[in-house]
Amino acid sequence: MVTTPLLLLAAAFLAGAMNAVAGGGSFLTLPALIYAGVPPVAANATGTVALLPGYASGVYGYRHDLEPVGGVGLVTLSVVSLTGGLIGAALLLVTPDSVFRSIVPWLLLVATALFAFGGMLAARLRAVGLHGTGAMLATLFAVSVYGGYFNGGLGILLLAQLSLFGMTNLNAMNALKNLFSAVLTAIAVAAYAVGGAVEWSYAALMTVAAVAGGYAGARVGRKIPSRILRAGIIAVGLAMSVLFFLK
């Protein structure tokens, strides 16, 4: 039988690798922590803490590709993302464990769907004609609230949101995705810590494994076709959703 520390180390390592190459790491960290006996709200918060360093390192790696969006500077964009992340984290902290447990499978399913169909969604919304600074900031705020509440599928949502408003440079989009993810996750983690929702012993253990997984994923992921990576992550998301629906 797999011991709890080994399970959490393996989940965090694989989650770090998944986030480095495509995203979807929360599909593993959240279920692993709940399986280990951590209450659902604390499991979500603890898993988010473990994945934060990966976002921070991503910002550093893409620092030369950061650029404004639609004439709006990085400081303004970061403040909007930070505010949304804080509100999302506050909403999580006031959500009872029983309620969060009941919506976890739906959140996993929605995040999986966003990962699978994010490109199609962005194209459809562009066709509707979303435009303007107000719409751009409002959608960034909404995505950031989601990210502060539930981290799953955040990267895909951010990339879709950026593409809606004319961004086509993938390096710049990834740079901004990492920046917003790091900012909103950092403030969310601070809120989780103040609210006493983090299991710090598990968080420390998983952080080390997630960083190692991120490094390994960045090296190995380049050699794996993207369609296979995406299919694997979608399969994991669907499997976790089904397990939580059945539980």
C-alpha atoms as a PDB file:
ATOM      1  CA  MET A   1       0.000   0.000   0.000  1.00  0.00           C
ATOM      2  CA  VAL A   2       1.319   3.436  -0.935  1.00  0.00           C
ATOM      3  CA  THR A   3       2.037   5.579   2.141  1.00  0.00           C
ATOM      4  CA  THR A   4       0.629   9.094   2.384  1.00  0.00           C
ATOM      5  CA  PRO A   5       3.997  10.906   2.017  1.00  0.00           C
ATOM      6  CA  LEU A   6       4.882   8.865  -1.068  1.00  0.00           C
ATOM      7  CA  LEU A   7       1.463   9.510  -2.594  1.00  0.00           C
ATOM      8  CA  LEU A   8       1.749  13.255  -2.020  1.00  0.00           C
ATOM      9  CA  LEU A   9       5.327  13.371  -3.312  1.00  0.00           C
ATOM     10  CA  ALA A  10       4.344  11.506  -6.475  1.00  0.00           C
ATOM     11  CA  ALA A  11       1.258  13.663  -7.053  1.00  0.00           C
ATOM     12  CA  ALA A  12       3.199  16.896  -6.551  1.00  0.00           C
ATOM     13  CA  PHE A  13       6.071  15.758  -8.795  1.00  0.00           C
ATOM     14  CA  LEU A  14       3.700  14.845 -11.608  1.00  0.00           C
ATOM     15  CA  ALA A  15       1.668  18.033 -11.060  1.00  0.00           C
ATOM     16  CA  GLY A  16       4.806  20.161 -11.351  1.00  0.00           C
ATOM     17  CA  ALA A  17       5.730  18.349 -14.557  1.00  0.00           C
ATOM     18  CA  MET A  18       2.215  18.782 -15.984  1.00  0.00           C
ATOM     19  CA  ASN A  19       2.178  22.500 -15.216  1.00  0.00           C
ATOM     20  CA  ALA A  20       5.583  22.944 -16.846  1.00  0.00           C
ATOM     21  CA  VAL A  21       4.500  21.442 -20.159  1.00  0.00           C
ATOM     22  CA  ALA A  22       0.771  22.084 -20.459  1.00  0.00           C
ATOM     23  CA  GLY A  23      -1.073  22.700 -17.178  1.00  0.00           C
ATOM     24  CA  GLY A  24      -3.567  20.699 -15.141  1.00  0.00           C
ATOM     25  CA  GLY A  25      -1.431  19.995 -12.074  1.00  0.00           C
ATOM     26  CA  SER A  26      -4.331  20.624  -9.693  1.00  0.00           C
ATOM     27  CA  PHE A  27      -6.056  17.566 -11.167  1.00  0.00           C
ATOM     28  CA  LEU A  28      -3.541  15.528  -9.133  1.00  0.00           C
ATOM     29  CA  THR A  29      -2.704  17.575  -6.033  1.00  0.00           C
ATOM     30  CA  LEU A  30      -6.286  18.175  -4.888  1.00  0.00           C
ATOM     31  CA  PRO A  31      -7.468  14.533  -5.074  1.00  0.00           C
ATOM     32  CA  ALA A  32      -4.215  13.292  -3.498  1.00  0.00           C
ATOM     33  CA  LEU A  33      -4.586  15.607  -0.502  1.00  0.00           C
ATOM     34  CA  ILE A  34      -8.255  14.734  -0.030  1.00  0.00           C
ATOM     35  CA  TYR A  35      -7.342  11.031  -0.216  1.00  0.00           C
ATOM     36  CA  ALA A  36      -4.709  11.700   2.457  1.00  0.00           C
ATOM     37  CA  GLY A  37      -7.465  12.947   4.762  1.00  0.00           C
ATOM     38  CA  VAL A  38      -7.079  16.712   4.343  1.00  0.00           C
ATOM     39  CA  PRO A  39     -10.465  18.522   4.363  1.00  0.00           C
ATOM     40  CA  PRO A  40     -11.444  19.697   0.855  1.00  0.00           C
ATOM     41  CA  VAL A  41     -10.995  23.456   1.389  1.00  0.00           C
ATOM     42  CA  ALA A  42      -7.618  22.945   3.092  1.00  0.00           C
ATOM     43  CA  ALA A  43      -6.636  20.464   0.354  1.00  0.00           C
ATOM     44  CA  ASN A  44      -7.302  23.048  -2.344  1.00  0.00           C
ATOM     45  CA  ALA A  45      -5.362  25.713  -0.435  1.00  0.00           C
ATOM     46  CA  THR A  46      -2.431  23.395   0.357  1.00  0.00           C
ATOM     47  CA  GLY A  47      -2.123  22.164  -3.212  1.00  0.00           C
ATOM     48  CA  THR A  48      -2.105  25.742  -4.457  1.00  0.00           C
ATOM     49  CA  VAL A  49       0.741  26.608  -2.059  1.00  0.00           C
ATOM     50  CA  ALA A  50       2.778  23.690  -3.403  1.00  0.00           C
ATOM     51  CA  LEU A  51       2.400  24.848  -7.016  1.00  0.00           C
ATOM     52  CA  LEU A  52       3.173  28.552  -6.417  1.00  0.00           C
ATOM     53  CA  PRO A  53       6.971  28.320  -6.924  1.00  0.00           C
ATOM     54  CA  GLY A  54       6.394  26.925 -10.410  1.00  0.00           C
ATOM     55  CA  TYR A  55       4.452  30.033 -11.389  1.00  0.00           C
ATOM     56  CA  ALA A  56       7.162  32.281  -9.932  1.00  0.00           C
ATOM     57  CA  SER A  57       9.925  30.510 -11.829  1.00  0.00           C
ATOM     58  CA  GLY A  58       7.831  30.771 -14.991  1.00  0.00           C
ATOM     59  CA  VAL A  59       7.670  34.555 -14.605  1.00  0.00           C
ATOM     60  CA  TYR A  60      11.453  34.711 -14.321  1.00  0.00           C
ATOM     61  CA  GLY A  61      11.927  32.482 -17.337  1.00  0.00           C
ATOM     62  CA  TYR A  62       9.660  34.635 -19.513  1.00  0.00           C
ATOM     63  CA  ARG A  63      10.589  38.024 -17.981  1.00  0.00           C
ATOM     64  CA  HIS A  64      11.902  39.434 -21.277  1.00  0.00           C
ATOM     65  CA  ASP A  65       8.626  38.643 -23.064  1.00  0.00           C
ATOM     66  CA  LEU A  66       6.305  40.593 -20.763  1.00  0.00           C
ATOM     67  CA  GLU A  67       4.373  43.343 -22.509  1.00  0.00           C
ATOM     68  CA  PRO A  68       1.218  45.472 -21.982  1.00  0.00           C
ATOM     69  CA  VAL A  69      -2.182  44.286 -23.180  1.00  0.00           C
ATOM     70  CA  GLY A  70      -4.248  46.692 -25.242  1.00  0.00           C
ATOM     71  CA  GLY A  71      -2.264  49.660 -23.970  1.00  0.00           C
ATOM     72  CA  VAL A  72      -2.824  48.731 -20.313  1.00  0.00           C
ATOM     73  CA  GLY A  73       0.409  48.515 -18.319  1.00  0.00           C
ATOM     74  CA  LEU A  74       1.668  45.544 -16.311  1.00  0.00           C
ATOM     75  CA  VAL A  75       1.106  47.247 -12.951  1.00  0.00           C
ATOM     76  CA  THR A  76      -2.590  47.853 -13.644  1.00  0.00           C
ATOM     77  CA  LEU A  77      -3.050  44.342 -15.001  1.00  0.00           C
ATOM     78  CA  SER A  78      -1.304  42.844 -11.971  1.00  0.00           C
ATOM     79  CA  VAL A  79      -3.455  44.849  -9.541  1.00  0.00           C
ATOM     80  CA  VAL A  80      -6.630  43.619 -11.260  1.00  0.00           C
ATOM     81  CA  SER A  81      -5.376  40.031 -11.132  1.00  0.00           C
ATOM     82  CA  LEU A  82      -4.306  40.372  -7.503  1.00  0.00           C
ATOM     83  CA  THR A  83      -7.688  41.794  -6.480  1.00  0.00           C
ATOM     84  CA  GLY A  84      -9.557  39.006  -8.224  1.00  0.00           C
ATOM     85  CA  GLY A  85      -7.327  36.376  -6.661  1.00  0.00           C
ATOM     86  CA  LEU A  86      -7.899  37.807  -3.182  1.00  0.00           C
ATOM     87  CA  ILE A  87     -11.673  37.792  -3.617  1.00  0.00           C
ATOM     88  CA  GLY A  88     -11.596  34.220  -4.928  1.00  0.00           C
ATOM     89  CA  ALA A  89      -9.497  33.096  -1.963  1.00  0.00           C
ATOM     90  CA  ALA A  90     -11.869  34.830   0.468  1.00  0.00           C
ATOM     91  CA  LEU A  91     -14.808  33.027  -1.141  1.00  0.00           C
ATOM     92  CA  LEU A  92     -13.017  29.695  -0.708  1.00  0.00           C
ATOM     93  CA  LEU A  93     -12.343  30.367   2.965  1.00  0.00           C
ATOM     94  CA  VAL A  94     -16.039  30.976   3.708  1.00  0.00           C
ATOM     95  CA  THR A  95     -17.162  27.910   1.755  1.00  0.00           C
ATOM     96  CA  PRO A  96     -18.012  25.005   4.122  1.00  0.00           C
ATOM     97  CA  ASP A  97     -16.077  21.795   3.493  1.00  0.00           C
ATOM     98  CA  SER A  98     -19.306  19.908   2.819  1.00  0.00           C
ATOM     99  CA  VAL A  99     -20.304  22.387   0.117  1.00  0.00           C
ATOM    100  CA  PHE A 100     -16.848  22.469  -1.455  1.00  0.00           C
ATOM    101  CA  ARG A 101     -16.678  18.681  -1.467  1.00  0.00           C
ATOM    102  CA  SER A 102     -19.971  18.559  -3.367  1.00  0.00           C
ATOM    103  CA  ILE A 103     -18.775  20.978  -6.050  1.00  0.00           C
ATOM    104  CA  VAL A 104     -15.232  19.571  -6.440  1.00  0.00           C
ATOM    105  CA  PRO A 105     -16.223  17.053  -9.147  1.00  0.00           C
ATOM    106  CA  TRP A 106     -18.000  19.813 -11.076  1.00  0.00           C
ATOM    107  CA  LEU A 107     -14.982  22.105 -10.759  1.00  0.00           C
ATOM    108  CA  LEU A 108     -12.701  19.327 -11.987  1.00  0.00           C
ATOM    109  CA  LEU A 109     -15.051  18.602 -14.878  1.00  0.00           C
ATOM    110  CA  VAL A 110     -15.320  22.274 -15.870  1.00  0.00           C
ATOM    111  CA  ALA A 111     -11.540  22.701 -15.645  1.00  0.00           C
ATOM    112  CA  THR A 112     -11.051  19.626 -17.837  1.00  0.00           C
ATOM    113  CA  ALA A 113     -13.540  20.952 -20.386  1.00  0.00           C
ATOM    114  CA  LEU A 114     -11.787  24.323 -20.425  1.00  0.00           C
ATOM    115  CA  PHE A 115      -8.477  22.568 -20.992  1.00  0.00           C
ATOM    116  CA  ALA A 116      -9.933  20.499 -23.827  1.00  0.00           C
ATOM    117  CA  PHE A 117     -11.963  23.215 -25.553  1.00  0.00           C
ATOM    118  CA  GLY A 118     -10.263  26.451 -24.460  1.00  0.00           C
ATOM    119  CA  GLY A 119      -9.120  27.280 -28.008  1.00  0.00           C
ATOM    120  CA  MET A 120     -12.595  26.793 -29.455  1.00  0.00           C
ATOM    121  CA  LEU A 121     -14.108  28.899 -26.670  1.00  0.00           C
ATOM    122  CA  ALA A 122     -11.703  31.745 -27.336  1.00  0.00           C
ATOM    123  CA  ALA A 123     -12.485  31.676 -31.059  1.00  0.00           C
ATOM    124  CA  ARG A 124     -16.233  31.711 -30.382  1.00  0.00           C
ATOM    125  CA  LEU A 125     -15.976  34.644 -27.984  1.00  0.00           C
ATOM    126  CA  ARG A 126     -13.828  36.569 -30.440  1.00  0.00           C
ATOM    127  CA  ALA A 127     -16.549  36.080 -33.030  1.00  0.00           C
ATOM    128  CA  VAL A 128     -19.059  37.631 -30.628  1.00  0.00           C
ATOM    129  CA  GLY A 129     -16.992  40.789 -30.702  1.00  0.00           C
ATOM    130  CA  LEU A 130     -15.614  41.290 -27.195  1.00  0.00           C
ATOM    131  CA  HIS A 131     -13.323  44.304 -27.249  1.00  0.00           C
ATOM    132  CA  GLY A 132     -12.203  47.345 -25.323  1.00  0.00           C
ATOM    133  CA  THR A 133     -10.180  48.030 -22.184  1.00  0.00           C
ATOM    134  CA  GLY A 134     -13.163  47.627 -19.869  1.00  0.00           C
ATOM    135  CA  ALA A 135     -14.039  44.194 -21.244  1.00  0.00           C
ATOM    136  CA  MET A 136     -10.402  43.101 -21.088  1.00  0.00           C
ATOM    137  CA  LEU A 137     -10.004  44.108 -17.435  1.00  0.00           C
ATOM    138  CA  ALA A 138     -13.398  42.651 -16.486  1.00  0.00           C
ATOM    139  CA  THR A 139     -12.609  39.256 -17.994  1.00  0.00           C
ATOM    140  CA  LEU A 140      -9.149  39.229 -16.384  1.00  0.00           C
ATOM    141  CA  PHE A 141     -10.780  40.003 -13.037  1.00  0.00           C
ATOM    142  CA  ALA A 142     -13.328  37.196 -13.480  1.00  0.00           C
ATOM    143  CA  VAL A 143     -10.642  34.651 -14.404  1.00  0.00           C
ATOM    144  CA  SER A 144      -8.551  35.773 -11.415  1.00  0.00           C
ATOM    145  CA  VAL A 145     -11.488  35.272  -9.028  1.00  0.00           C
ATOM    146  CA  TYR A 146     -11.823  31.745 -10.410  1.00  0.00           C
ATOM    147  CA  GLY A 147      -8.078  31.183  -9.953  1.00  0.00           C
ATOM    148  CA  GLY A 148      -8.142  32.355  -6.342  1.00  0.00           C
ATOM    149  CA  TYR A 149     -11.043  30.030  -5.613  1.00  0.00           C
ATOM    150  CA  PHE A 150      -9.985  26.972  -7.625  1.00  0.00           C
ATOM    151  CA  ASN A 151      -6.658  26.774  -9.417  1.00  0.00           C
ATOM    152  CA  GLY A 152      -7.544  24.004 -11.883  1.00  0.00           C
ATOM    153  CA  GLY A 153      -7.482  25.051 -15.535  1.00  0.00           C
ATOM    154  CA  LEU A 154      -6.308  28.570 -14.672  1.00  0.00           C
ATOM    155  CA  GLY A 155      -3.540  28.695 -17.272  1.00  0.00           C
ATOM    156  CA  ILE A 156      -5.877  27.712 -20.089  1.00  0.00           C
ATOM    157  CA  LEU A 157      -8.414  30.337 -19.049  1.00  0.00           C
ATOM    158  CA  LEU A 158      -5.757  33.037 -18.936  1.00  0.00           C
ATOM    159  CA  LEU A 159      -4.399  32.126 -22.369  1.00  0.00           C
ATOM    160  CA  ALA A 160      -7.927  32.150 -23.771  1.00  0.00           C
ATOM    161  CA  GLN A 161      -8.622  35.521 -22.149  1.00  0.00           C
ATOM    162  CA  LEU A 162      -5.467  37.057 -23.613  1.00  0.00           C
ATOM    163  CA  SER A 163      -6.214  35.701 -27.074  1.00  0.00           C
ATOM    164  CA  LEU A 164      -9.637  37.332 -26.971  1.00  0.00           C
ATOM    165  CA  PHE A 165      -8.048  40.745 -26.962  1.00  0.00           C
ATOM    166  CA  GLY A 166      -5.720  40.397 -29.901  1.00  0.00           C
ATOM    167  CA  MET A 167      -2.609  38.749 -28.481  1.00  0.00           C
ATOM    168  CA  THR A 168      -0.963  36.305 -30.888  1.00  0.00           C
ATOM    169  CA  ASN A 169       2.649  36.172 -29.641  1.00  0.00           C
ATOM    170  CA  LEU A 170       2.706  32.888 -27.701  1.00  0.00           C
ATOM    171  CA  ASN A 171       5.826  33.805 -25.717  1.00  0.00           C
ATOM    172  CA  ALA A 172       4.240  37.064 -24.567  1.00  0.00           C
ATOM    173  CA  MET A 173       0.996  35.253 -23.739  1.00  0.00           C
ATOM    174  CA  ASN A 174       2.834  32.636 -21.678  1.00  0.00           C
ATOM    175  CA  ALA A 175       4.792  35.370 -19.916  1.00  0.00           C
ATOM    176  CA  LEU A 176       1.593  37.184 -18.926  1.00  0.00           C
ATOM    177  CA  LYS A 177      -0.129  33.917 -18.013  1.00  0.00           C
ATOM    178  CA  ASN A 178       2.707  33.120 -15.613  1.00  0.00           C
ATOM    179  CA  LEU A 179       2.725  36.656 -14.201  1.00  0.00           C
ATOM    180  CA  PHE A 180      -1.016  36.709 -13.499  1.00  0.00           C
ATOM    181  CA  SER A 181      -0.942  33.154 -12.141  1.00  0.00           C
ATOM    182  CA  ALA A 182       1.908  34.020  -9.773  1.00  0.00           C
ATOM    183  CA  VAL A 183       0.342  37.285  -8.599  1.00  0.00           C
ATOM    184  CA  LEU A 184      -3.148  35.963  -7.940  1.00  0.00           C
ATOM    185  CA  THR A 185      -1.851  32.704  -6.455  1.00  0.00           C
ATOM    186  CA  ALA A 186       0.554  34.552  -4.143  1.00  0.00           C
ATOM    187  CA  ILE A 187      -2.202  36.735  -2.691  1.00  0.00           C
ATOM    188  CA  ALA A 188      -4.518  33.727  -2.494  1.00  0.00           C
ATOM    189  CA  VAL A 189      -1.849  31.781  -0.581  1.00  0.00           C
ATOM    190  CA  ALA A 190      -1.443  34.714   1.824  1.00  0.00           C
ATOM    191  CA  ALA A 191      -5.204  34.707   2.419  1.00  0.00           C
ATOM    192  CA  TYR A 192      -5.216  30.934   2.911  1.00  0.00           C
ATOM    193  CA  ALA A 193      -2.399  31.273   5.455  1.00  0.00           C
ATOM    194  CA  VAL A 194      -4.201  33.999   7.415  1.00  0.00           C
ATOM    195  CA  GLY A 195      -7.363  31.913   7.316  1.00  0.00           C
ATOM    196  CA  GLY A 196      -5.515  28.870   8.677  1.00  0.00           C
ATOM    197  CA  ALA A 197      -6.453  26.739   5.667  1.00  0.00           C
ATOM    198  CA  VAL A 198      -2.972  25.417   4.818  1.00  0.00           C
ATOM    199  CA  GLU A 199      -1.528  22.115   6.031  1.00  0.00           C
ATOM    200  CA  TRP A 200       2.046  23.391   6.103  1.00  0.00           C
ATOM    201  CA  SER A 201       3.812  20.062   6.624  1.00  0.00           C
ATOM    202  CA  TYR A 202       2.166  18.666   3.486  1.00  0.00           C
ATOM    203  CA  ALA A 203       2.688  21.935   1.614  1.00  0.00           C
ATOM    204  CA  ALA A 204       6.437  21.927   2.318  1.00  0.00           C
ATOM    205  CA  LEU A 205       6.784  18.295   1.269  1.00  0.00           C
ATOM    206  CA  MET A 206       4.834  18.803  -1.951  1.00  0.00           C
ATOM    207  CA  THR A 207       6.560  22.069  -2.874  1.00  0.00           C
ATOM    208  CA  VAL A 208       9.953  20.351  -3.124  1.00  0.00           C
ATOM    209  CA  ALA A 209       8.487  17.590  -5.282  1.00  0.00           C
ATOM    210  CA  ALA A 210       6.584  20.058  -7.489  1.00  0.00           C
ATOM    211  CA  VAL A 211       9.734  22.103  -8.166  1.00  0.00           C
ATOM    212  CA  ALA A 212      11.632  18.927  -9.093  1.00  0.00           C
ATOM    213  CA  GLY A 213       8.745  17.825 -11.286  1.00  0.00           C
ATOM    214  CA  GLY A 214       8.635  21.189 -13.017  1.00  0.00           C
ATOM    215  CA  TYR A 215      12.307  20.940 -13.898  1.00  0.00           C
ATOM    216  CA  ALA A 216      11.939  17.379 -15.161  1.00  0.00           C
ATOM    217  CA  GLY A 217       8.785  18.218 -17.070  1.00  0.00           C
ATOM    218  CA  ALA A 218      10.400  21.148 -18.838  1.00  0.00           C
ATOM    219  CA  ARG A 219      13.197  18.860 -20.052  1.00  0.00           C
ATOM    220  CA  VAL A 220      11.176  15.788 -20.969  1.00  0.00           C
ATOM    221  CA  GLY A 221       8.052  17.577 -22.153  1.00  0.00           C
ATOM    222  CA  ARG A 222       9.836  19.058 -25.153  1.00  0.00           C
ATOM    223  CA  LYS A 223      10.251  15.542 -26.555  1.00  0.00           C
ATOM    224  CA  ILE A 224       6.600  14.490 -26.200  1.00  0.00           C
ATOM    225  CA  PRO A 225       4.100  15.524 -28.910  1.00  0.00           C
ATOM    226  CA  SER A 226       1.704  18.163 -27.567  1.00  0.00           C
ATOM    227  CA  ARG A 227      -1.381  16.212 -28.657  1.00  0.00           C
ATOM    228  CA  ILE A 228      -0.279  13.255 -26.516  1.00  0.00           C
ATOM    229  CA  LEU A 229       0.370  15.522 -23.524  1.00  0.00           C
ATOM    230  CA  ARG A 230      -3.013  17.180 -23.872  1.00  0.00           C
ATOM    231  CA  ALA A 231      -4.790  13.844 -24.265  1.00  0.00           C
ATOM    232  CA  GLY A 232      -3.102  12.503 -21.151  1.00  0.00           C
ATOM    233  CA  ILE A 233      -4.024  15.525 -19.043  1.00  0.00           C
ATOM    234  CA  ILE A 234      -7.627  15.451 -20.270  1.00  0.00           C
ATOM    235  CA  ALA A 235      -7.797  11.749 -19.395  1.00  0.00           C
ATOM    236  CA  VAL A 236      -6.510  12.461 -15.873  1.00  0.00           C
ATOM    237  CA  GLY A 237      -9.035  15.275 -15.416  1.00  0.00           C
ATOM    238  CA  LEU A 238     -11.937  13.123 -16.565  1.00  0.00           C
ATOM    239  CA  ALA A 239     -10.846  10.205 -14.392  1.00  0.00           C
ATOM    240  CA  MET A 240     -10.592  12.391 -11.288  1.00  0.00           C
ATOM    241  CA  SER A 241     -13.987  13.956 -12.029  1.00  0.00           C
ATOM    242  CA  VAL A 242     -15.621  10.535 -12.300  1.00  0.00           C
ATOM    243  CA  LEU A 243     -13.982   9.310  -9.089  1.00  0.00           C
ATOM    244  CA  PHE A 244     -15.252  12.309  -7.147  1.00  0.00           C
ATOM    245  CA  PHE A 245     -18.749  11.960  -8.595  1.00  0.00           C
ATOM    246  CA  LEU A 246     -18.797   8.326  -7.497  1.00  0.00           C
ATOM    247  CA  LYS A 247     -17.316   8.970  -4.050  1.00  0.00           C
END
